[in-house]
C-alpha atoms as a PDB file:
ATOM      1  CA  MET A   1     -56.493  59.534 -48.176  1.00  0.00           C
ATOM      2  CA  ASP A   2     -52.971  58.505 -46.923  1.00  0.00           C
ATOM      3  CA  LYS A   3     -50.490  56.040 -48.725  1.00  0.00           C
ATOM      4  CA  THR A   4     -51.591  52.858 -46.665  1.00  0.00           C
ATOM      5  CA  ASP A   5     -55.387  53.262 -47.919  1.00  0.00           C
ATOM      6  CA  LYS A   6     -54.565  53.546 -51.432  1.00  0.00           C
ATOM      7  CA  MET A   7     -52.147  50.490 -51.473  1.00  0.00           C
ATOM      8  CA  ASP A   8     -54.795  48.448 -49.411  1.00  0.00           C
ATOM      9  CA  LYS A   9     -57.159  49.479 -52.434  1.00  0.00           C
ATOM     10  CA  LYS A  10     -54.688  48.275 -55.133  1.00  0.00           C
ATOM     11  CA  ARG A  11     -54.168  44.709 -53.241  1.00  0.00           C
ATOM     12  CA  PRO A  12     -56.883  42.224 -54.911  1.00  0.00           C
ATOM     13  CA  GLN A  13     -59.227  41.160 -52.238  1.00  0.00           C
ATOM     14  CA  TRP A  14     -59.814  37.559 -52.074  1.00  0.00           C
ATOM     15  CA  ASN A  15     -63.130  36.340 -51.022  1.00  0.00           C
ATOM     16  CA  THR A  16     -64.086  33.218 -49.262  1.00  0.00           C
ATOM     17  CA  ARG A  17     -64.897  31.379 -52.645  1.00  0.00           C
ATOM     18  CA  THR A  18     -61.517  32.120 -54.095  1.00  0.00           C
ATOM     19  CA  LYS A  19     -59.750  31.123 -50.693  1.00  0.00           C
ATOM     20  CA  ILE A  20     -61.418  27.914 -50.661  1.00  0.00           C
ATOM     21  CA  THR A  21     -60.967  27.065 -54.145  1.00  0.00           C
ATOM     22  CA  LEU A  22     -57.150  27.755 -53.668  1.00  0.00           C
ATOM     23  CA  TYR A  23     -57.017  25.619 -50.706  1.00  0.00           C
ATOM     24  CA  ILE A  24     -58.566  22.698 -52.559  1.00  0.00           C
ATOM     25  CA  VAL A  25     -56.460  23.029 -55.655  1.00  0.00           C
ATOM     26  CA  LEU A  26     -53.235  23.087 -53.525  1.00  0.00           C
ATOM     27  CA  ALA A  27     -54.157  19.908 -51.683  1.00  0.00           C
ATOM     28  CA  LEU A  28     -55.307  18.128 -54.801  1.00  0.00           C
ATOM     29  CA  ILE A  29     -51.919  18.896 -56.677  1.00  0.00           C
ATOM     30  CA  TYR A  30     -50.033  17.495 -53.579  1.00  0.00           C
ATOM     31  CA  LEU A  31     -52.054  14.411 -53.364  1.00  0.00           C
ATOM     32  CA  VAL A  32     -52.224  13.805 -57.219  1.00  0.00           C
ATOM     33  CA  GLY A  33     -48.572  14.561 -57.405  1.00  0.00           C
ATOM     34  CA  ILE A  34     -47.778  11.868 -54.972  1.00  0.00           C
ATOM     35  CA  LEU A  35     -50.254   9.673 -56.628  1.00  0.00           C
ATOM     36  CA  PHE A  36     -48.582   9.681 -59.961  1.00  0.00           C
ATOM     37  CA  TRP A  37     -44.857   9.988 -58.779  1.00  0.00           C
ATOM     38  CA  GLY A  38     -45.573   6.644 -56.895  1.00  0.00           C
ATOM     39  CA  LEU A  39     -47.536   4.924 -60.004  1.00  0.00           C
ATOM     40  CA  LEU A  40     -45.017   5.754 -62.481  1.00  0.00           C
ATOM     41  CA  MET A  41     -41.885   5.100 -60.198  1.00  0.00           C
ATOM     42  CA  ASP A  42     -39.241   2.790 -61.430  1.00  0.00           C
ATOM     43  CA  PRO A  43     -38.761  -0.131 -59.001  1.00  0.00           C
ATOM     44  CA  LYS A  44     -34.890   0.270 -59.206  1.00  0.00           C
ATOM     45  CA  ALA A  45     -35.142   3.577 -57.066  1.00  0.00           C
ATOM     46  CA  TYR A  46     -36.188   1.828 -53.713  1.00  0.00           C
ATOM     47  CA  ALA A  47     -34.145  -1.307 -54.671  1.00  0.00           C
ATOM     48  CA  VAL A  48     -32.076  -3.420 -51.923  1.00  0.00           C
ATOM     49  CA  ASP A  49     -28.648  -1.960 -51.510  1.00  0.00           C
ATOM     50  CA  TYR A  50     -27.250  -3.448 -48.336  1.00  0.00           C
ATOM     51  CA  SER A  51     -23.681  -1.399 -48.698  1.00  0.00           C
ATOM     52  CA  VAL A  52     -25.835   1.787 -47.742  1.00  0.00           C
ATOM     53  CA  LYS A  53     -28.095   0.490 -44.946  1.00  0.00           C
ATOM     54  CA  PHE A  54     -29.130   2.457 -42.021  1.00  0.00           C
ATOM     55  CA  LEU A  55     -27.850   5.848 -43.511  1.00  0.00           C
ATOM     56  CA  PRO A  56     -29.414   9.021 -41.809  1.00  0.00           C
ATOM     57  CA  PRO A  57     -31.123  11.586 -43.701  1.00  0.00           C
ATOM     58  CA  GLY A  58     -28.437  13.498 -45.862  1.00  0.00           C
ATOM     59  CA  ALA A  59     -27.650  15.050 -49.388  1.00  0.00           C
ATOM     60  CA  GLY A  60     -27.788  11.270 -51.045  1.00  0.00           C
ATOM     61  CA  HIS A  61     -30.668  10.058 -49.150  1.00  0.00           C
ATOM     62  CA  LEU A  62     -33.108  12.922 -48.009  1.00  0.00           C
ATOM     63  CA  PHE A  63     -34.892  10.453 -45.913  1.00  0.00           C
ATOM     64  CA  GLY A  64     -32.262   7.999 -45.088  1.00  0.00           C
ATOM     65  CA  THR A  65     -32.181   4.342 -45.903  1.00  0.00           C
ATOM     66  CA  ASP A  66     -33.668   1.359 -44.027  1.00  0.00           C
ATOM     67  CA  LEU A  67     -32.286  -2.076 -42.823  1.00  0.00           C
ATOM     68  CA  MET A  68     -31.820  -3.352 -46.445  1.00  0.00           C
ATOM     69  CA  GLY A  69     -30.346  -0.177 -47.712  1.00  0.00           C
ATOM     70  CA  ARG A  70     -33.621   1.227 -49.610  1.00  0.00           C
ATOM     71  CA  ASP A  71     -34.080   4.674 -50.171  1.00  0.00           C
ATOM     72  CA  MET A  72     -36.616   5.801 -47.562  1.00  0.00           C
ATOM     73  CA  LEU A  73     -38.008   8.915 -49.719  1.00  0.00           C
ATOM     74  CA  PHE A  74     -38.787   6.782 -52.775  1.00  0.00           C
ATOM     75  CA  ARG A  75     -40.569   3.752 -50.885  1.00  0.00           C
ATOM     76  CA  CYS A  76     -42.398   6.155 -48.682  1.00  0.00           C
ATOM     77  CA  VAL A  77     -43.690   7.943 -51.872  1.00  0.00           C
ATOM     78  CA  LYS A  78     -44.470   4.621 -53.192  1.00  0.00           C
ATOM     79  CA  GLY A  79     -45.981   3.531 -50.202  1.00  0.00           C
ATOM     80  CA  LEU A  80     -48.246   6.475 -49.804  1.00  0.00           C
ATOM     81  CA  SER A  81     -49.312   6.241 -53.373  1.00  0.00           C
ATOM     82  CA  THR A  82     -50.442   2.530 -52.859  1.00  0.00           C
ATOM     83  CA  SER A  83     -52.228   3.822 -49.783  1.00  0.00           C
ATOM     84  CA  ILE A  84     -54.137   6.468 -51.858  1.00  0.00           C
ATOM     85  CA  VAL A  85     -54.963   4.169 -54.528  1.00  0.00           C
ATOM     86  CA  ILE A  86     -56.612   1.573 -52.170  1.00  0.00           C
ATOM     87  CA  GLY A  87     -58.346   4.270 -50.221  1.00  0.00           C
ATOM     88  CA  VAL A  88     -59.841   6.300 -52.882  1.00  0.00           C
ATOM     89  CA  LEU A  89     -61.094   3.068 -54.699  1.00  0.00           C
ATOM     90  CA  ALA A  90     -62.638   1.520 -51.443  1.00  0.00           C
ATOM     91  CA  ALA A  91     -64.112   4.707 -50.506  1.00  0.00           C
ATOM     92  CA  ALA A  92     -65.608   5.267 -53.768  1.00  0.00           C
ATOM     93  CA  VAL A  93     -67.217   2.016 -53.749  1.00  0.00           C
ATOM     94  CA  SER A  94     -68.280   2.251 -50.230  1.00  0.00           C
ATOM     95  CA  SER A  95     -69.775   5.616 -50.886  1.00  0.00           C
ATOM     96  CA  LEU A  96     -71.822   3.886 -53.914  1.00  0.00           C
ATOM     97  CA  ILE A  97     -73.221   1.591 -51.649  1.00  0.00           C
ATOM     98  CA  ALA A  98     -74.293   4.344 -49.003  1.00  0.00           C
ATOM     99  CA  LEU A  99     -75.873   6.271 -51.762  1.00  0.00           C
ATOM    100  CA  ALA A 100     -78.155   3.331 -53.188  1.00  0.00           C
ATOM    101  CA  ALA A 101     -79.042   2.122 -49.670  1.00  0.00           C
ATOM    102  CA  GLY A 102     -79.735   5.734 -48.222  1.00  0.00           C
ATOM    103  CA  VAL A 103     -81.812   6.589 -51.344  1.00  0.00           C
ATOM    104  CA  ALA A 104     -83.786   3.204 -51.346  1.00  0.00           C
ATOM    105  CA  ALA A 105     -84.469   3.314 -47.617  1.00  0.00           C
ATOM    106  CA  ALA A 106     -86.073   6.997 -47.861  1.00  0.00           C
ATOM    107  CA  VAL A 107     -88.014   6.621 -51.055  1.00  0.00           C
ATOM    108  CA  ILE A 108     -89.294   3.276 -50.864  1.00  0.00           C
ATOM    109  CA  GLY A 109     -89.466   2.933 -47.150  1.00  0.00           C
ATOM    110  CA  GLY A 110     -91.368   0.225 -45.242  1.00  0.00           C
ATOM    111  CA  LYS A 111     -89.720  -3.251 -44.723  1.00  0.00           C
ATOM    112  CA  LEU A 112     -86.761  -2.150 -46.980  1.00  0.00           C
ATOM    113  CA  ASP A 113     -86.161   0.800 -44.831  1.00  0.00           C
ATOM    114  CA  SER A 114     -86.138  -1.177 -41.561  1.00  0.00           C
ATOM    115  CA  PHE A 115     -83.706  -3.679 -43.328  1.00  0.00           C
ATOM    116  CA  ILE A 116     -81.244  -1.098 -44.314  1.00  0.00           C
ATOM    117  CA  ASN A 117     -81.157   0.686 -40.764  1.00  0.00           C
ATOM    118  CA  TRP A 118     -80.806  -2.770 -39.081  1.00  0.00           C
ATOM    119  CA  CYS A 119     -77.621  -3.376 -41.361  1.00  0.00           C
ATOM    120  CA  VAL A 120     -76.384   0.036 -40.308  1.00  0.00           C
ATOM    121  CA  ASP A 121     -76.946  -0.666 -36.727  1.00  0.00           C
ATOM    122  CA  LEU A 122     -75.251  -3.845 -36.918  1.00  0.00           C
ATOM    123  CA  CYS A 123     -72.235  -2.756 -38.635  1.00  0.00           C
ATOM    124  CA  MET A 124     -71.742   0.559 -36.372  1.00  0.00           C
ATOM    125  CA  GLY A 125     -72.449  -1.708 -33.213  1.00  0.00           C
ATOM    126  CA  MET A 126     -69.240  -3.556 -34.028  1.00  0.00           C
ATOM    127  CA  PRO A 127     -65.560  -2.244 -33.236  1.00  0.00           C
ATOM    128  CA  HIS A 128     -64.633  -0.993 -36.766  1.00  0.00           C
ATOM    129  CA  LEU A 129     -60.996  -2.069 -36.626  1.00  0.00           C
ATOM    130  CA  VAL A 130     -61.888  -5.564 -35.520  1.00  0.00           C
ATOM    131  CA  LEU A 131     -64.507  -5.923 -38.246  1.00  0.00           C
ATOM    132  CA  LEU A 132     -61.749  -4.663 -40.862  1.00  0.00           C
ATOM    133  CA  ILE A 133     -59.289  -7.225 -39.686  1.00  0.00           C
ATOM    134  CA  LEU A 134     -61.832 -10.050 -39.894  1.00  0.00           C
ATOM    135  CA  ILE A 135     -63.123  -9.245 -43.532  1.00  0.00           C
ATOM    136  CA  SER A 136     -59.464  -8.554 -44.760  1.00  0.00           C
ATOM    137  CA  PHE A 137     -58.416 -12.038 -43.157  1.00  0.00           C
ATOM    138  CA  MET A 138     -61.345 -13.804 -44.480  1.00  0.00           C
ATOM    139  CA  LEU A 139     -60.483 -12.475 -47.983  1.00  0.00           C
ATOM    140  CA  GLY A 140     -56.994 -13.656 -48.016  1.00  0.00           C
ATOM    141  CA  ARG A 141     -55.343 -10.347 -46.919  1.00  0.00           C
ATOM    142  CA  GLY A 142     -53.577  -8.493 -49.836  1.00  0.00           C
ATOM    143  CA  SER A 143     -54.851  -5.668 -51.721  1.00  0.00           C
ATOM    144  CA  LYS A 144     -57.963  -7.115 -52.561  1.00  0.00           C
ATOM    145  CA  GLY A 145     -58.769  -7.944 -49.046  1.00  0.00           C
ATOM    146  CA  VAL A 146     -57.960  -4.711 -47.701  1.00  0.00           C
ATOM    147  CA  MET A 147     -59.828  -2.998 -50.262  1.00  0.00           C
ATOM    148  CA  ALA A 148     -62.987  -5.111 -49.714  1.00  0.00           C
ATOM    149  CA  ALA A 149     -62.818  -4.586 -46.044  1.00  0.00           C
ATOM    150  CA  VAL A 150     -62.559  -0.828 -46.106  1.00  0.00           C
ATOM    151  CA  ALA A 151     -65.457  -0.770 -48.824  1.00  0.00           C
ATOM    152  CA  LEU A 152     -67.469  -2.801 -46.820  1.00  0.00           C
ATOM    153  CA  THR A 153     -67.417  -1.136 -43.532  1.00  0.00           C
ATOM    154  CA  HIS A 154     -67.358   2.447 -44.285  1.00  0.00           C
ATOM    155  CA  TRP A 155     -70.872   2.942 -45.792  1.00  0.00           C
ATOM    156  CA  PRO A 156     -73.051   3.206 -42.815  1.00  0.00           C
ATOM    157  CA  GLU A 157     -72.295   6.661 -41.391  1.00  0.00           C
ATOM    158  CA  LEU A 158     -72.740   8.426 -44.886  1.00  0.00           C
ATOM    159  CA  THR A 159     -76.063   6.044 -45.556  1.00  0.00           C
ATOM    160  CA  ARG A 160     -77.532   7.636 -42.517  1.00  0.00           C
ATOM    161  CA  ILE A 161     -76.581  11.274 -43.879  1.00  0.00           C
ATOM    162  CA  VAL A 162     -77.960  10.367 -47.433  1.00  0.00           C
ATOM    163  CA  ARG A 163     -81.217   8.879 -45.838  1.00  0.00           C
ATOM    164  CA  ALA A 164     -81.794  11.988 -43.824  1.00  0.00           C
ATOM    165  CA  GLU A 165     -81.390  14.062 -46.667  1.00  0.00           C
ATOM    166  CA  VAL A 166     -83.555  12.557 -48.775  1.00  0.00           C
ATOM    167  CA  LEU A 167     -86.198  12.168 -46.056  1.00  0.00           C
ATOM    168  CA  GLN A 168     -86.229  15.899 -45.574  1.00  0.00           C
ATOM    169  CA  ILE A 169     -86.206  16.568 -49.555  1.00  0.00           C
ATOM    170  CA  ARG A 170     -89.059  14.019 -49.966  1.00  0.00           C
ATOM    171  CA  GLY A 171     -91.233  16.142 -47.611  1.00  0.00           C
ATOM    172  CA  GLU A 172     -91.236  19.227 -49.588  1.00  0.00           C
ATOM    173  CA  GLN A 173     -94.178  20.166 -51.604  1.00  0.00           C
ATOM    174  CA  TYR A 174     -92.493  20.135 -55.129  1.00  0.00           C
ATOM    175  CA  VAL A 175     -92.173  16.610 -54.537  1.00  0.00           C
ATOM    176  CA  GLN A 176     -95.334  15.827 -53.170  1.00  0.00           C
ATOM    177  CA  ALA A 177     -96.797  17.584 -56.281  1.00  0.00           C
ATOM    178  CA  ALA A 178     -94.761  15.453 -58.550  1.00  0.00           C
ATOM    179  CA  TYR A 179     -96.299  12.276 -56.624  1.00  0.00           C
ATOM    180  CA  ARG A 180     -99.764  13.634 -57.303  1.00  0.00           C
ATOM    181  CA  LEU A 181     -99.101  14.298 -60.866  1.00  0.00           C
ATOM    182  CA  GLY A 182     -98.393  10.710 -61.403  1.00  0.00           C
ATOM    183  CA  LYS A 183     -94.529  10.606 -61.341  1.00  0.00           C
ATOM    184  CA  THR A 184     -93.007   7.186 -60.443  1.00  0.00           C
ATOM    185  CA  ARG A 185     -90.393   7.004 -57.440  1.00  0.00           C
ATOM    186  CA  LEU A 186     -87.786   6.477 -59.699  1.00  0.00           C
ATOM    187  CA  SER A 187     -88.507   9.292 -61.910  1.00  0.00           C
ATOM    188  CA  VAL A 188     -89.030  11.435 -58.730  1.00  0.00           C
ATOM    189  CA  ALA A 189     -85.617  10.545 -57.203  1.00  0.00           C
ATOM    190  CA  ARG A 190     -83.863  10.912 -60.452  1.00  0.00           C
ATOM    191  CA  GLU A 191     -85.291  14.292 -61.239  1.00  0.00           C
ATOM    192  CA  HIS A 192     -85.769  15.632 -57.658  1.00  0.00           C
ATOM    193  CA  ILE A 193     -83.992  14.029 -55.181  1.00  0.00           C
ATOM    194  CA  PHE A 194     -80.454  13.080 -56.634  1.00  0.00           C
ATOM    195  CA  PRO A 195     -79.812  16.791 -57.542  1.00  0.00           C
ATOM    196  CA  HIS A 196     -80.314  18.120 -54.060  1.00  0.00           C
ATOM    197  CA  VAL A 197     -78.345  15.029 -52.479  1.00  0.00           C
ATOM    198  CA  LEU A 198     -75.261  15.343 -54.891  1.00  0.00           C
ATOM    199  CA  PRO A 199     -73.694  18.238 -52.702  1.00  0.00           C
ATOM    200  CA  VAL A 200     -74.045  16.226 -49.390  1.00  0.00           C
ATOM    201  CA  TYR A 201     -72.859  13.011 -51.216  1.00  0.00           C
ATOM    202  CA  LEU A 202     -69.685  14.533 -52.582  1.00  0.00           C
ATOM    203  CA  VAL A 203     -68.697  16.184 -49.388  1.00  0.00           C
ATOM    204  CA  GLY A 204     -68.915  12.552 -47.520  1.00  0.00           C
ATOM    205  CA  VAL A 205     -67.219  11.023 -50.318  1.00  0.00           C
ATOM    206  CA  ILE A 206     -64.149  13.157 -49.971  1.00  0.00           C
ATOM    207  CA  LEU A 207     -64.267  12.956 -45.975  1.00  0.00           C
ATOM    208  CA  LEU A 208     -64.353   9.004 -46.385  1.00  0.00           C
ATOM    209  CA  PHE A 209     -60.866   9.193 -48.148  1.00  0.00           C
ATOM    210  CA  PRO A 210     -58.916  10.069 -45.027  1.00  0.00           C
ATOM    211  CA  HIS A 211     -60.631   7.265 -43.113  1.00  0.00           C
ATOM    212  CA  ALA A 212     -60.132   4.766 -45.637  1.00  0.00           C
ATOM    213  CA  ILE A 213     -56.422   5.342 -45.920  1.00  0.00           C
ATOM    214  CA  MET A 214     -55.768   5.537 -42.326  1.00  0.00           C
ATOM    215  CA  HIS A 215     -57.681   2.087 -41.918  1.00  0.00           C
ATOM    216  CA  GLU A 216     -55.698   0.760 -44.656  1.00  0.00           C
ATOM    217  CA  ALA A 217     -52.444   1.864 -42.934  1.00  0.00           C
ATOM    218  CA  SER A 218     -53.695   0.716 -39.530  1.00  0.00           C
ATOM    219  CA  ILE A 219     -54.568  -3.095 -40.248  1.00  0.00           C
ATOM    220  CA  THR A 220     -51.114  -3.320 -42.755  1.00  0.00           C
ATOM    221  CA  PHE A 221     -49.440  -2.229 -39.543  1.00  0.00           C
ATOM    222  CA  LEU A 222     -51.019  -4.832 -37.605  1.00  0.00           C
ATOM    223  CA  GLY A 223     -50.043  -7.450 -40.023  1.00  0.00           C
ATOM    224  CA  PHE A 224     -53.779  -8.405 -41.545  1.00  0.00           C
ATOM    225  CA  GLY A 225     -53.432  -6.001 -44.648  1.00  0.00           C
ATOM    226  CA  LEU A 226     -50.533  -5.770 -47.504  1.00  0.00           C
ATOM    227  CA  SER A 227     -47.938  -8.431 -47.556  1.00  0.00           C
ATOM    228  CA  ALA A 228     -44.381  -7.404 -46.049  1.00  0.00           C
ATOM    229  CA  GLU A 229     -42.736  -7.521 -49.775  1.00  0.00           C
ATOM    230  CA  GLU A 230     -45.261  -4.511 -50.900  1.00  0.00           C
ATOM    231  CA  PRO A 231     -44.197  -0.868 -50.360  1.00  0.00           C
ATOM    232  CA  ALA A 232     -46.773   0.443 -48.052  1.00  0.00           C
ATOM    233  CA  ILE A 233     -46.822   2.850 -45.357  1.00  0.00           C
ATOM    234  CA  GLY A 234     -48.284   0.499 -42.803  1.00  0.00           C
ATOM    235  CA  VAL A 235     -45.320  -2.068 -43.788  1.00  0.00           C
ATOM    236  CA  ILE A 236     -42.875   0.579 -43.387  1.00  0.00           C
ATOM    237  CA  LEU A 237     -44.169   2.022 -39.904  1.00  0.00           C
ATOM    238  CA  SER A 238     -44.491  -1.795 -38.919  1.00  0.00           C
ATOM    239  CA  GLU A 239     -40.780  -2.611 -39.776  1.00  0.00           C
ATOM    240  CA  SER A 240     -39.716   0.769 -38.162  1.00  0.00           C
ATOM    241  CA  MET A 241     -41.064  -0.106 -34.659  1.00  0.00           C
ATOM    242  CA  LYS A 242     -38.032  -2.768 -34.671  1.00  0.00           C
ATOM    243  CA  HIS A 243     -35.459  -0.137 -34.800  1.00  0.00           C
ATOM    244  CA  ILE A 244     -36.701   2.884 -33.129  1.00  0.00           C
ATOM    245  CA  ALA A 245     -34.979   1.785 -29.860  1.00  0.00           C
ATOM    246  CA  THR A 246     -31.621   1.798 -31.568  1.00  0.00           C
ATOM    247  CA  GLY A 247     -31.789   5.396 -32.492  1.00  0.00           C
ATOM    248  CA  LYS A 248     -32.969   4.889 -36.297  1.00  0.00           C
ATOM    249  CA  TRP A 249     -35.643   7.649 -35.907  1.00  0.00           C
ATOM    250  CA  TRP A 250     -35.922   8.591 -39.175  1.00  0.00           C
ATOM    251  CA  LEU A 251     -37.614   5.007 -40.296  1.00  0.00           C
ATOM    252  CA  ALA A 252     -40.802   6.210 -38.541  1.00  0.00           C
ATOM    253  CA  LEU A 253     -40.703  10.016 -38.719  1.00  0.00           C
ATOM    254  CA  PHE A 254     -41.077  10.472 -42.494  1.00  0.00           C
ATOM    255  CA  PRO A 255     -43.532   7.657 -43.335  1.00  0.00           C
ATOM    256  CA  GLY A 256     -45.494   9.119 -40.511  1.00  0.00           C
ATOM    257  CA  ILE A 257     -45.255  12.563 -41.472  1.00  0.00           C
ATOM    258  CA  LEU A 258     -46.285  12.003 -45.115  1.00  0.00           C
ATOM    259  CA  LEU A 259     -49.486   9.660 -44.036  1.00  0.00           C
ATOM    260  CA  LEU A 260     -50.422  12.426 -41.515  1.00  0.00           C
ATOM    261  CA  ALA A 261     -50.167  15.298 -44.354  1.00  0.00           C
ATOM    262  CA  ALA A 262     -52.232  13.013 -46.994  1.00  0.00           C
ATOM    263  CA  ILE A 263     -55.101  12.470 -44.423  1.00  0.00           C
ATOM    264  CA  MET A 264     -54.992  16.105 -43.422  1.00  0.00           C
ATOM    265  CA  LEU A 265     -55.202  17.468 -46.744  1.00  0.00           C
ATOM    266  CA  PHE A 266     -57.941  15.104 -47.609  1.00  0.00           C
ATOM    267  CA  ASP A 267     -59.891  16.551 -44.849  1.00  0.00           C
ATOM    268  CA  VAL A 268     -59.126  20.145 -45.771  1.00  0.00           C
ATOM    269  CA  ILE A 269     -60.478  19.320 -49.279  1.00  0.00           C
ATOM    270  CA  GLY A 270     -63.754  17.959 -47.839  1.00  0.00           C
ATOM    271  CA  GLU A 271     -64.017  20.588 -45.122  1.00  0.00           C
ATOM    272  CA  ASN A 272     -63.367  23.367 -47.814  1.00  0.00           C
ATOM    273  CA  LEU A 273     -65.796  21.659 -50.382  1.00  0.00           C
ATOM    274  CA  LYS A 274     -68.566  21.845 -47.846  1.00  0.00           C
ATOM    275  CA  LYS A 275     -68.192  25.491 -47.251  1.00  0.00           C
ATOM    276  CA  LEU A 276     -68.051  25.994 -50.877  1.00  0.00           C
ATOM    277  CA  LEU A 277     -71.121  23.964 -51.685  1.00  0.00           C
ATOM    278  CA  ASN A 278     -72.929  25.828 -48.780  1.00  0.00           C
ATOM    279  CA  PRO A 279     -74.748  28.977 -50.454  1.00  0.00           C
ATOM    280  CA  GLY A 280     -73.962  30.920 -47.286  1.00  0.00           C
ATOM    281  CA  SER A 281     -70.433  30.684 -47.022  1.00  0.00           C
ATOM    282  CA  GLY A 282     -69.863  30.255 -50.639  1.00  0.00           C
ATOM    283  CA  ASN A 283     -71.012  33.340 -51.691  1.00  0.00           C
ATOM    284  CA  GLU A 284     -69.301  35.441 -49.199  1.00  0.00           C
END
């Protein structure tokens, strides 16, 4: 046996579960770090200072400054933190709606199933962005309007997934045996259906987060979300469009990169969590 083979044996062999767990932890560290950095940030860090407006990225201001002299690094972190809070809360509410609707439609069935399917088809039949703008505008825009709009428009797809999973489990022999033994629908749902639906539901919740954050930034960018006074990624990108033609490239580049990184990391967590919960790939 040569030295190379001996060295390979000494190196720690990471299986799929270890690698997936590492990816999830690193992504969570970044996202949680941005979240708390923004929430705990002093507003003076991104305060107006006209004496340093439109400075390019440098040692004093890593991301440069904007037309009012505000530090773009701190403003982008604060804006991304706001987007993450709104996206996570809205996605959590939307996922609970999807879980309740999907389980009820599959377990109770009948007219309730038909009504929930009709609501799903109605929501999915309308252009998503238009529906978001309408709901946000009707509720007065702002953080509450955006959160309500995202929460009320992101449940249909997850509802279909949960419903299909429940229908599959409901046909299993042990579930049918529980019904024959006199178990109620509620007890069967609680004891036999929820535990099996939970992995699919958790992955669906995680994958809702990037969609919610992106849609919050989109409607804010178009002027139907958060107000211009609030530091938000959509507001920052909207303002930057006025100055890109004059060579102020950093005003759009850095907030765009931070938003893209957050969305991709949420997607990484969701996809890897799906592999981790899958018995076939998780035990490799």
